[in-house]
Amino acid sequence: MKNLTYQTYLISCLLLFGFGHSFGQVDPALEADLQAILDDNLTAFGLKGVEATIILPDGCHWTGVSGVSDPNSTPVDTIRKWHWGSVGKAMTAAIVLQLDDEGELDVNDPIGDYLGVDTIPFLDGETTIKMLLNHTTDLNNSWENGSELWNAVWADRDSVWNIWSVLEPEYRAAGEPNPDLIHTYNGYDNYLMLGFLIEEVTGQTLDELYTSRLFEPLGFTNSVMGTQGIDMTDFNGLYDGDSYRGDLEHNSYMSTRGGGGAHLGSSHDVARFIRAFHNDELVSSGLMTEARQSTAGDPTVVPGTCLGTLSQTYGYGTNIVEYTDGSETVRFYGHGGNGLGNSLAFHNIDENFTLAITTNDFSSSAQQGNLGLFMTLVCHIWDNWPQATCVLSTIDAASDDFLIYPNPANTVLNIRTSTTPERISIYNMEGKRCLTATGGSSLNIEELDAGVYVVKVETDRDVVTKRWVKE
């Protein structure tokens, strides 16, 4: 990669600002306002349960939930997962672009250089990787209501598919020619092929690639790939309008998503990703500039929002949403998703502001409701921008409310904070993460080499770091 790794960047920041630094938290008044927006607007927008994360310019974050996960009124929570649908296309695009940075492929290469197109019906070997990224291919969308693949997947909900079997001839059909390379969004096949591509180029599975290239470097705490199905008890419920679907199996559905959207996780993890992606922390700035260029085609226009009329175009795995504020054009970059729910995740580069939101209802009305709630949150932040800063943390790294002991230590390291840590990470002085624990307050550190380390402790409101010595 041409830019600093996430871990090296983190340690650089720690060296710059000093150990024991606490990154602060969202203003409690703003937190209360944001939670009230979720609670007060849930019914108005026709939603059952939601989770949202906002990351402010200074890096502090707020995550809120509201609503229920089932007809028994079990509250949604931040422990169980959500399906982010096509937001996963941005993740797949990020890996493709990383491989371009590394010289393993070029987005202008024909797909036939990497995949055996003779065995994939209706895939033209001259189709370029770029065409798959920006949806300008002539591939037919195999995943449509009533298609052969659709019927086969839903015929046996509990089965786990081998993803390559979706390429069987009975599931494939010819698409419409697209000689002018006009953007025509394909919800399934283009990114399905990109998933196969990155597996072929690297010799790794999607699960391994997402974990090693995204989940681990970005410090995800609650994300998995659903390529082997899904345990619905680990999910924040599922509705289709007023019809509860969380008691049905969805293994066949999840195991056939591939590179187009198999990610299951939290809004916090997704917000971290979309922010890092569009802050050029994962891919070189040159490629990201290219990725954020609009593809030829008529924009999608969304009138009547609190920001006025929105215009949406598409780049590489990226929805480009913009509106005019006086003489200024304001842009958000990200992706939406419709799968086992509806989701949106977007980042504004100029203000370094990020918002990810998801709901457990996959109906079209919930899609509109989720957009309405997303816009309400954005507009509240925009209207109260002076309040959108991080305030002094409630944890003082030098106080008795935050202790790392013993220091030095050689077997077990204990953490004491005023709130239970969500995650504890230990980094060496080269920026490599050596150890991570979630949901506890102690770590077995016997296997670590002797030396100086940085301990990073994350709670629901704070991120605190402190230098520590392993004997």
Protein backbone atom coordinates (compact mmCIF):
# COMPACT_ATOMS: atom_id res chain seq x y z
CA MET A 1 0.00 0.00 0.00
CA LYS A 2 1.13 3.53 -0.73
CA ASN A 3 -0.16 5.08 2.48
CA LEU A 4 0.47 4.43 6.16
CA THR A 5 -1.18 1.38 7.66
CA TYR A 6 -3.90 2.02 10.20
CA GLN A 7 -1.74 0.67 13.02
CA THR A 8 1.27 2.82 12.10
CA TYR A 9 -0.99 5.85 11.86
CA LEU A 10 -2.39 5.09 15.31
CA ILE A 11 1.03 4.84 16.94
CA SER A 12 2.14 8.00 15.16
CA CYS A 13 -0.80 9.82 16.73
CA LEU A 14 0.04 8.43 20.13
CA LEU A 15 3.63 9.61 19.82
CA LEU A 16 2.43 13.02 18.69
CA PHE A 17 -0.16 13.60 21.39
CA GLY A 18 1.47 11.65 24.20
CA PHE A 19 0.55 8.55 26.12
CA GLY A 20 -2.34 8.67 28.55
CA HIS A 21 -4.27 10.85 26.11
CA SER A 22 -8.06 10.53 26.20
CA PHE A 23 -9.85 11.31 22.95
CA GLY A 24 -12.97 12.74 24.54
CA GLN A 25 -16.64 12.08 23.93
CA VAL A 26 -19.64 13.51 22.16
CA ASP A 27 -21.25 16.42 23.99
CA PRO A 28 -23.85 14.81 26.34
CA ALA A 29 -26.47 17.35 25.21
CA LEU A 30 -25.93 16.34 21.58
CA GLU A 31 -26.07 12.67 22.56
CA ALA A 32 -29.42 13.25 24.23
CA ASP A 33 -30.73 15.06 21.14
CA LEU A 34 -29.63 12.26 18.80
CA GLN A 35 -31.17 9.55 20.97
CA ALA A 36 -34.40 11.56 21.15
CA ILE A 37 -34.46 11.75 17.34
CA LEU A 38 -34.31 7.96 17.13
CA ASP A 39 -36.94 7.43 19.83
CA ASP A 40 -39.34 10.15 18.69
CA ASN A 41 -39.22 9.40 14.95
CA LEU A 42 -39.21 5.61 14.86
CA THR A 43 -42.97 5.27 14.52
CA ALA A 44 -43.31 8.30 12.25
CA PHE A 45 -40.93 6.71 9.75
CA GLY A 46 -42.58 3.29 10.05
CA LEU A 47 -39.56 1.48 11.49
CA LYS A 48 -39.36 -1.35 14.03
CA GLY A 49 -35.76 -1.22 15.26
CA VAL A 50 -32.71 0.85 14.36
CA GLU A 51 -29.06 1.36 15.24
CA ALA A 52 -27.03 4.42 14.24
CA THR A 53 -23.45 5.59 14.72
CA ILE A 54 -22.15 9.10 14.18
CA ILE A 55 -18.43 9.93 14.16
CA LEU A 56 -17.63 13.61 14.58
CA PRO A 57 -14.67 15.48 13.03
CA ASP A 58 -12.50 15.07 16.12
CA GLY A 59 -13.02 11.30 16.08
CA CYS A 60 -15.36 10.75 19.01
CA HIS A 61 -18.47 8.75 18.29
CA TRP A 62 -22.04 8.19 19.38
CA THR A 63 -24.01 4.98 18.88
CA GLY A 64 -27.70 4.76 19.63
CA VAL A 65 -30.41 2.12 19.30
CA SER A 66 -34.16 2.29 19.46
CA GLY A 67 -37.11 -0.01 18.90
CA VAL A 68 -37.73 -3.73 19.06
CA SER A 69 -36.35 -6.89 17.50
CA ASP A 70 -39.43 -9.14 17.70
CA PRO A 71 -43.18 -9.19 18.41
CA ASN A 72 -42.40 -9.73 22.12
CA SER A 73 -40.96 -6.19 22.20
CA THR A 74 -37.43 -7.38 22.94
CA PRO A 75 -35.32 -4.23 22.57
CA VAL A 76 -32.69 -4.07 19.84
CA ASP A 77 -29.16 -3.79 21.22
CA THR A 78 -25.55 -3.14 20.23
CA ILE A 79 -24.50 -6.74 20.87
CA ARG A 80 -26.46 -8.54 18.17
CA LYS A 81 -25.69 -7.92 14.52
CA TRP A 82 -27.34 -6.32 11.48
CA HIS A 83 -27.08 -7.22 7.80
CA TRP A 84 -25.65 -4.30 5.78
CA GLY A 85 -26.57 -5.64 2.35
CA SER A 86 -24.95 -3.74 -0.51
CA VAL A 87 -22.91 -1.56 1.84
CA GLY A 88 -20.63 -4.59 1.55
CA LYS A 89 -19.99 -3.63 -2.08
CA ALA A 90 -17.89 -0.73 -0.81
CA MET A 91 -15.84 -3.20 1.23
CA THR A 92 -15.31 -5.45 -1.78
CA ALA A 93 -14.36 -2.41 -3.87
CA ALA A 94 -11.82 -1.39 -1.21
CA ILE A 95 -10.10 -4.78 -1.44
CA VAL A 96 -10.06 -4.66 -5.26
CA LEU A 97 -8.44 -1.21 -5.14
CA GLN A 98 -5.92 -2.38 -2.53
CA LEU A 99 -4.89 -5.16 -4.92
CA ASP A 100 -4.49 -2.54 -7.67
CA ASP A 101 -2.27 -0.51 -5.33
CA GLU A 102 -0.19 -3.62 -4.68
CA GLY A 103 0.24 -4.38 -8.40
CA GLU A 104 -1.74 -7.63 -8.24
CA LEU A 105 -4.26 -6.34 -10.81
CA ASP A 106 -5.29 -3.20 -12.64
CA VAL A 107 -8.86 -1.95 -12.73
CA ASN A 108 -8.54 -1.55 -16.51
CA ASP A 109 -7.68 -5.24 -16.97
CA PRO A 110 -10.26 -7.51 -18.61
CA ILE A 111 -11.86 -9.96 -16.21
CA GLY A 112 -10.89 -12.78 -18.57
CA ASP A 113 -7.27 -12.36 -17.45
CA TYR A 114 -8.25 -13.72 -14.04
CA LEU A 115 -11.44 -15.78 -14.29
CA GLY A 116 -12.17 -18.71 -16.58
CA VAL A 117 -14.99 -16.98 -18.42
CA ASP A 118 -15.64 -20.03 -20.60
CA THR A 119 -17.16 -21.67 -17.53
CA ILE A 120 -19.30 -18.64 -16.56
CA PRO A 121 -22.30 -18.22 -18.86
CA PHE A 122 -22.83 -14.74 -20.34
CA LEU A 123 -19.66 -13.21 -18.85
CA ASP A 124 -17.68 -11.45 -21.59
CA GLY A 125 -13.97 -11.90 -20.98
CA GLU A 126 -13.32 -8.36 -22.27
CA THR A 127 -15.43 -6.85 -19.49
CA THR A 128 -13.00 -4.83 -17.37
CA ILE A 129 -12.72 -4.79 -13.60
CA LYS A 130 -13.60 -1.09 -13.74
CA MET A 131 -16.88 -1.91 -15.50
CA LEU A 132 -17.78 -4.29 -12.69
CA LEU A 133 -16.88 -1.68 -10.07
CA ASN A 134 -19.04 1.07 -11.58
CA HIS A 135 -21.88 -1.11 -12.93
CA THR A 136 -21.42 -0.50 -16.66
CA THR A 137 -21.40 -4.17 -17.73
CA ASP A 138 -24.05 -5.97 -19.77
CA LEU A 139 -24.55 -8.65 -17.12
CA ASN A 140 -28.08 -9.66 -16.24
CA ASN A 141 -29.14 -9.34 -12.59
CA SER A 142 -29.59 -12.97 -11.54
CA TRP A 143 -31.12 -12.02 -8.18
CA GLU A 144 -34.58 -10.70 -8.96
CA ASN A 145 -37.94 -11.63 -7.49
CA GLY A 146 -39.08 -14.78 -9.27
CA SER A 147 -35.77 -15.55 -11.03
CA GLU A 148 -34.50 -19.14 -11.15
CA LEU A 149 -31.82 -18.36 -8.56
CA TRP A 150 -34.31 -16.56 -6.31
CA ASN A 151 -36.68 -19.54 -6.35
CA ALA A 152 -33.90 -22.06 -5.73
CA VAL A 153 -32.45 -20.14 -2.78
CA TRP A 154 -35.77 -19.67 -1.02
CA ALA A 155 -36.87 -23.28 -1.70
CA ASP A 156 -34.53 -24.52 1.05
CA ARG A 157 -33.83 -21.74 3.54
CA ASP A 158 -31.64 -23.81 5.85
CA SER A 159 -29.14 -24.95 3.22
CA VAL A 160 -25.65 -23.41 2.98
CA TRP A 161 -24.66 -22.96 -0.65
CA ASN A 162 -21.27 -23.25 -2.27
CA ILE A 163 -21.18 -19.73 -3.72
CA TRP A 164 -19.74 -20.94 -7.04
CA SER A 165 -22.91 -22.95 -7.65
CA VAL A 166 -24.83 -19.73 -8.39
CA LEU A 167 -22.98 -19.74 -11.73
CA GLU A 168 -24.78 -22.87 -12.93
CA PRO A 169 -26.34 -22.27 -16.39
CA GLU A 170 -29.92 -22.58 -15.12
CA TYR A 171 -29.39 -19.47 -12.99
CA ARG A 172 -27.80 -17.33 -15.70
CA ALA A 173 -29.37 -15.27 -18.51
CA ALA A 174 -28.20 -12.76 -21.10
CA GLY A 175 -28.29 -9.11 -20.16
CA GLU A 176 -28.96 -6.00 -22.20
CA PRO A 177 -26.07 -4.64 -24.32
CA ASN A 178 -24.46 -1.51 -22.87
CA PRO A 179 -22.13 -0.19 -25.61
CA ASP A 180 -22.05 3.35 -24.20
CA LEU A 181 -20.99 2.12 -20.74
CA ILE A 182 -23.86 3.84 -18.95
CA HIS A 183 -24.16 3.17 -15.24
CA THR A 184 -26.94 0.63 -14.68
CA TYR A 185 -26.94 -0.61 -11.11
CA ASN A 186 -26.85 -4.40 -10.82
CA GLY A 187 -27.60 -5.48 -7.28
CA TYR A 188 -26.02 -8.93 -7.61
CA ASP A 189 -23.86 -10.10 -10.51
CA ASN A 190 -21.19 -7.39 -10.87
CA TYR A 191 -19.95 -7.64 -7.30
CA LEU A 192 -20.49 -11.38 -7.25
CA MET A 193 -17.84 -11.51 -10.00
CA LEU A 194 -15.56 -9.16 -8.06
CA GLY A 195 -15.80 -11.49 -5.08
CA PHE A 196 -14.70 -14.39 -7.26
CA LEU A 197 -11.94 -12.19 -8.71
CA ILE A 198 -10.30 -11.28 -5.42
CA GLU A 199 -10.44 -14.88 -4.26
CA GLU A 200 -8.74 -16.04 -7.45
CA VAL A 201 -6.05 -13.33 -7.33
CA THR A 202 -5.16 -13.86 -3.67
CA GLY A 203 -5.88 -17.54 -3.12
CA GLN A 204 -7.87 -16.56 -0.03
CA THR A 205 -11.56 -16.75 0.82
CA LEU A 206 -13.78 -13.71 1.20
CA ASP A 207 -13.90 -14.34 4.94
CA GLU A 208 -10.10 -14.30 5.16
CA LEU A 209 -9.79 -11.21 2.96
CA TYR A 210 -12.38 -9.15 4.81
CA THR A 211 -10.88 -10.14 8.16
CA SER A 212 -7.22 -9.51 7.35
CA ARG A 213 -7.68 -6.40 5.19
CA LEU A 214 -10.61 -4.65 6.88
CA PHE A 215 -11.93 -6.08 10.15
CA GLU A 216 -8.60 -6.47 11.95
CA PRO A 217 -6.78 -3.32 10.73
CA LEU A 218 -9.80 -1.15 11.55
CA GLY A 219 -10.36 -2.75 14.95
CA PHE A 220 -13.84 -4.11 14.27
CA THR A 221 -15.43 -5.58 17.39
CA ASN A 222 -18.71 -7.02 16.13
CA SER A 223 -18.44 -8.12 12.50
CA VAL A 224 -18.47 -11.45 10.66
CA MET A 225 -19.10 -12.66 7.14
CA GLY A 226 -22.33 -14.55 6.56
CA THR A 227 -20.90 -16.78 3.84
CA GLN A 228 -21.66 -19.86 5.94
CA GLY A 229 -25.15 -18.73 6.87
CA ILE A 230 -26.51 -16.87 9.87
CA ASP A 231 -27.71 -17.72 13.35
CA MET A 232 -30.86 -15.61 13.60
CA THR A 233 -30.57 -15.51 17.41
CA ASP A 234 -27.40 -13.45 16.86
CA PHE A 235 -29.42 -10.97 14.80
CA ASN A 236 -31.49 -7.94 15.83
CA GLY A 237 -34.70 -9.39 14.43
CA LEU A 238 -36.19 -9.11 10.94
CA TYR A 239 -39.42 -7.69 9.53
CA ASP A 240 -41.06 -7.25 6.17
CA GLY A 241 -43.38 -4.39 7.07
CA ASP A 242 -45.64 -5.75 9.78
CA SER A 243 -44.70 -9.37 9.05
CA TYR A 244 -42.09 -10.79 11.43
CA ARG A 245 -39.47 -12.90 9.62
CA GLY A 246 -36.89 -13.37 12.35
CA ASP A 247 -38.16 -16.88 13.14
CA LEU A 248 -37.29 -18.11 9.62
CA GLU A 249 -33.92 -19.51 8.50
CA HIS A 250 -31.80 -17.36 6.14
CA ASN A 251 -28.73 -19.56 5.60
CA SER A 252 -29.35 -20.05 1.88
CA TYR A 253 -29.77 -16.31 1.38
CA MET A 254 -26.64 -15.24 3.26
CA SER A 255 -24.42 -17.94 1.77
CA THR A 256 -25.24 -16.71 -1.77
CA ARG A 257 -24.41 -13.03 -1.21
CA GLY A 258 -20.68 -13.26 -1.98
CA GLY A 259 -18.85 -10.03 -2.80
CA GLY A 260 -22.11 -8.15 -3.13
CA GLY A 261 -23.05 -8.00 0.53
CA ALA A 262 -22.36 -10.78 3.06
CA HIS A 263 -21.23 -8.56 5.93
CA LEU A 264 -23.00 -8.81 9.29
CA GLY A 265 -22.02 -6.34 11.97
CA SER A 266 -22.60 -3.15 13.93
CA SER A 267 -23.15 0.41 12.81
CA HIS A 268 -19.99 1.35 14.69
CA ASP A 269 -17.87 -1.01 12.61
CA VAL A 270 -19.45 0.13 9.36
CA ALA A 271 -19.00 3.80 10.22
CA ARG A 272 -15.33 3.14 10.95
CA PHE A 273 -14.94 1.48 7.57
CA ILE A 274 -16.73 4.08 5.43
CA ARG A 275 -14.76 6.85 7.19
CA ALA A 276 -11.40 5.15 6.67
CA PHE A 277 -12.24 4.28 3.05
CA HIS A 278 -13.11 7.84 2.07
CA ASN A 279 -10.37 9.42 4.16
CA ASP A 280 -7.99 7.44 1.93
CA GLU A 281 -6.62 5.35 4.80
CA LEU A 282 -7.16 2.03 3.03
CA VAL A 283 -6.37 2.85 -0.61
CA SER A 284 -4.00 5.36 -2.22
CA SER A 285 -5.36 8.89 -2.74
CA GLY A 286 -4.90 8.65 -6.51
CA LEU A 287 -7.12 5.59 -6.83
CA MET A 288 -9.67 6.99 -4.41
CA THR A 289 -9.94 10.18 -6.46
CA GLU A 290 -10.73 7.96 -9.42
CA ALA A 291 -13.19 5.92 -7.36
CA ARG A 292 -15.14 9.06 -6.44
CA GLN A 293 -15.66 10.17 -10.05
CA SER A 294 -19.25 9.91 -11.27
CA THR A 295 -19.93 7.31 -13.96
CA ALA A 296 -21.86 8.34 -17.08
CA GLY A 297 -25.61 8.07 -16.63
CA ASP A 298 -28.62 9.97 -15.39
CA PRO A 299 -28.42 10.77 -11.67
CA THR A 300 -31.04 9.58 -9.23
CA VAL A 301 -32.85 12.63 -7.85
CA VAL A 302 -34.37 12.69 -4.36
CA PRO A 303 -36.44 15.85 -3.82
CA GLY A 304 -37.95 17.26 -0.65
CA THR A 305 -35.31 16.38 1.95
CA CYS A 306 -34.34 18.70 4.79
CA LEU A 307 -31.25 19.57 2.74
CA GLY A 308 -33.26 20.22 -0.41
CA THR A 309 -32.97 18.09 -3.55
CA LEU A 310 -30.33 15.38 -3.51
CA SER A 311 -28.61 14.06 -6.63
CA GLN A 312 -27.00 10.60 -6.60
CA THR A 313 -24.44 9.15 -9.01
CA TYR A 314 -22.01 6.22 -8.74
CA GLY A 315 -18.24 5.65 -8.76
CA TYR A 316 -16.36 2.50 -7.74
CA GLY A 317 -18.42 0.87 -5.01
CA THR A 318 -19.50 4.36 -4.03
CA ASN A 319 -22.75 6.28 -4.08
CA ILE A 320 -21.98 9.98 -4.59
CA VAL A 321 -24.74 12.09 -3.05
CA GLU A 322 -24.64 15.85 -3.43
CA TYR A 323 -26.73 18.95 -2.92
CA THR A 324 -26.22 22.67 -3.43
CA ASP A 325 -25.91 24.98 -0.45
CA GLY A 326 -25.84 28.46 -1.95
CA SER A 327 -22.84 28.47 -4.27
CA GLU A 328 -21.29 25.41 -2.60
CA THR A 329 -21.77 21.78 -3.59
CA VAL A 330 -21.78 19.45 -0.58
CA ARG A 331 -20.98 15.78 -1.19
CA PHE A 332 -21.38 12.59 0.80
CA TYR A 333 -19.70 9.35 -0.24
CA GLY A 334 -20.82 5.90 0.84
CA HIS A 335 -23.33 3.18 0.02
CA GLY A 336 -26.83 2.01 0.78
CA GLY A 337 -27.98 -1.56 1.25
CA ASN A 338 -31.16 -3.61 1.15
CA GLY A 339 -30.93 -7.17 2.41
CA LEU A 340 -32.09 -8.47 5.77
CA GLY A 341 -32.97 -4.87 6.57
CA ASN A 342 -32.16 -1.46 5.08
CA SER A 343 -28.95 0.47 5.68
CA LEU A 344 -27.02 3.62 4.77
CA ALA A 345 -23.41 4.57 5.50
CA PHE A 346 -21.94 7.87 4.29
CA HIS A 347 -18.98 10.16 4.93
CA ASN A 348 -18.53 13.87 4.23
CA ILE A 349 -14.83 14.44 3.54
CA ASP A 350 -14.80 18.23 3.88
CA GLU A 351 -16.17 18.19 7.44
CA ASN A 352 -14.86 14.71 8.32
CA PHE A 353 -18.32 13.63 9.45
CA THR A 354 -19.66 10.06 9.25
CA LEU A 355 -23.08 8.48 9.76
CA ALA A 356 -24.14 4.82 9.47
CA ILE A 357 -27.69 3.70 10.17
CA THR A 358 -29.54 0.41 9.76
CA THR A 359 -32.99 -0.99 10.41
CA ASN A 360 -34.36 -4.52 10.76
CA ASP A 361 -37.12 -4.11 8.16
CA PHE A 362 -36.32 -4.89 4.51
CA SER A 363 -39.57 -3.54 3.02
CA SER A 364 -39.54 -0.71 0.49
CA SER A 365 -41.46 1.53 2.90
CA ALA A 366 -38.76 0.94 5.55
CA GLN A 367 -36.15 1.88 2.95
CA GLN A 368 -37.80 5.28 2.63
CA GLY A 369 -38.23 5.52 6.39
CA ASN A 370 -34.57 4.74 7.01
CA LEU A 371 -33.60 7.48 4.55
CA GLY A 372 -35.90 9.89 6.36
CA LEU A 373 -34.35 9.10 9.73
CA PHE A 374 -30.85 9.34 8.26
CA MET A 375 -31.60 12.79 6.85
CA THR A 376 -33.14 13.94 10.14
CA LEU A 377 -29.94 13.03 11.98
CA VAL A 378 -27.74 14.69 9.35
CA CYS A 379 -29.76 17.88 9.37
CA HIS A 380 -29.71 18.07 13.15
CA ILE A 381 -25.92 17.83 13.10
CA TRP A 382 -25.68 20.39 10.30
CA ASP A 383 -28.02 22.80 12.11
CA ASN A 384 -26.06 22.41 15.36
CA TRP A 385 -22.57 22.21 13.91
CA PRO A 386 -20.84 24.20 16.72
CA GLN A 387 -22.05 21.47 19.10
CA ALA A 388 -20.59 18.71 16.89
CA THR A 389 -17.23 18.59 18.64
CA CYS A 390 -15.67 16.25 21.15
CA VAL A 391 -15.69 17.38 24.78
CA LEU A 392 -13.36 16.43 27.59
CA SER A 393 -13.62 12.78 28.42
CA THR A 394 -15.20 11.58 31.62
CA ILE A 395 -12.14 9.38 32.08
CA ASP A 396 -8.84 10.94 33.14
CA ALA A 397 -6.03 8.59 32.18
CA ALA A 398 -4.01 9.79 35.14
CA SER A 399 -6.79 9.42 37.72
CA ASP A 400 -7.90 6.56 39.93
CA ASP A 401 -10.87 6.07 37.55
CA PHE A 402 -8.46 4.62 34.99
CA LEU A 403 -5.81 2.15 36.10
CA ILE A 404 -3.60 -0.33 34.24
CA TYR A 405 -1.92 -2.65 36.69
CA PRO A 406 0.52 -4.06 37.42
CA ASN A 407 2.90 -1.94 35.38
CA PRO A 408 5.30 -3.59 34.63
CA ALA A 409 3.54 -6.97 34.39
CA ASN A 410 4.49 -10.42 33.13
CA THR A 411 1.42 -12.69 33.32
CA VAL A 412 -1.89 -10.81 33.60
CA LEU A 413 -2.71 -7.18 32.84
CA ASN A 414 -5.74 -5.68 34.60
CA ILE A 415 -7.78 -2.67 33.51
CA ARG A 416 -9.97 -0.63 35.82
CA THR A 417 -12.26 2.06 34.42
CA SER A 418 -15.49 3.70 35.56
CA THR A 419 -17.31 1.79 32.81
CA THR A 420 -16.66 -1.71 31.47
CA PRO A 421 -14.22 -1.72 28.52
CA GLU A 422 -15.69 -2.70 25.16
CA ARG A 423 -12.28 -3.55 23.75
CA ILE A 424 -8.67 -3.59 24.97
CA SER A 425 -5.86 -3.60 22.40
CA ILE A 426 -2.11 -3.80 22.91
CA TYR A 427 0.27 -2.39 20.26
CA ASN A 428 4.02 -2.63 20.05
CA MET A 429 6.07 0.48 19.26
CA GLU A 430 6.09 -0.37 15.56
CA GLY A 431 2.32 -0.06 15.45
CA LYS A 432 1.52 -3.78 15.23
CA ARG A 433 -1.48 -4.91 17.21
CA CYS A 434 -0.26 -7.81 19.32
CA LEU A 435 -3.30 -8.65 21.43
CA THR A 436 -7.00 -7.77 21.62
CA ALA A 437 -9.74 -8.66 24.09
CA THR A 438 -13.41 -7.69 24.10
CA GLY A 439 -15.90 -7.44 26.91
CA GLY A 440 -13.47 -7.99 29.79
CA SER A 441 -11.13 -6.17 32.12
CA SER A 442 -8.03 -8.40 32.13
CA LEU A 443 -5.70 -9.97 29.58
CA ASN A 444 -3.27 -12.86 29.70
CA ILE A 445 -0.03 -11.31 28.42
CA GLU A 446 2.40 -14.18 29.08
CA GLU A 447 3.02 -14.76 25.35
CA LEU A 448 4.10 -11.16 24.66
CA ASP A 449 7.79 -10.41 24.33
CA ALA A 450 9.34 -8.17 26.95
CA GLY A 451 9.31 -4.51 25.98
CA VAL A 452 7.33 -1.28 25.86
CA TYR A 453 3.75 -1.33 24.53
CA VAL A 454 0.75 0.97 24.09
CA VAL A 455 -2.50 -0.16 25.72
CA LYS A 456 -5.64 1.23 24.08
CA VAL A 457 -8.89 0.94 26.07
CA GLU A 458 -12.24 1.68 24.45
CA THR A 459 -15.45 2.12 26.44
CA ASP A 460 -18.87 3.13 25.21
CA ARG A 461 -17.83 6.79 25.33
CA ASP A 462 -14.06 7.02 25.54
CA VAL A 463 -10.80 5.93 24.00
CA VAL A 464 -7.85 6.07 26.41
CA THR A 465 -4.26 5.05 25.77
CA LYS A 466 -1.38 4.48 28.13
CA ARG A 467 2.17 3.23 27.89
CA TRP A 468 2.85 -0.10 29.59
CA VAL A 469 5.89 -2.33 30.10
CA LYS A 470 5.95 -6.12 29.74
CA GLU A 471 8.62 -7.76 31.86
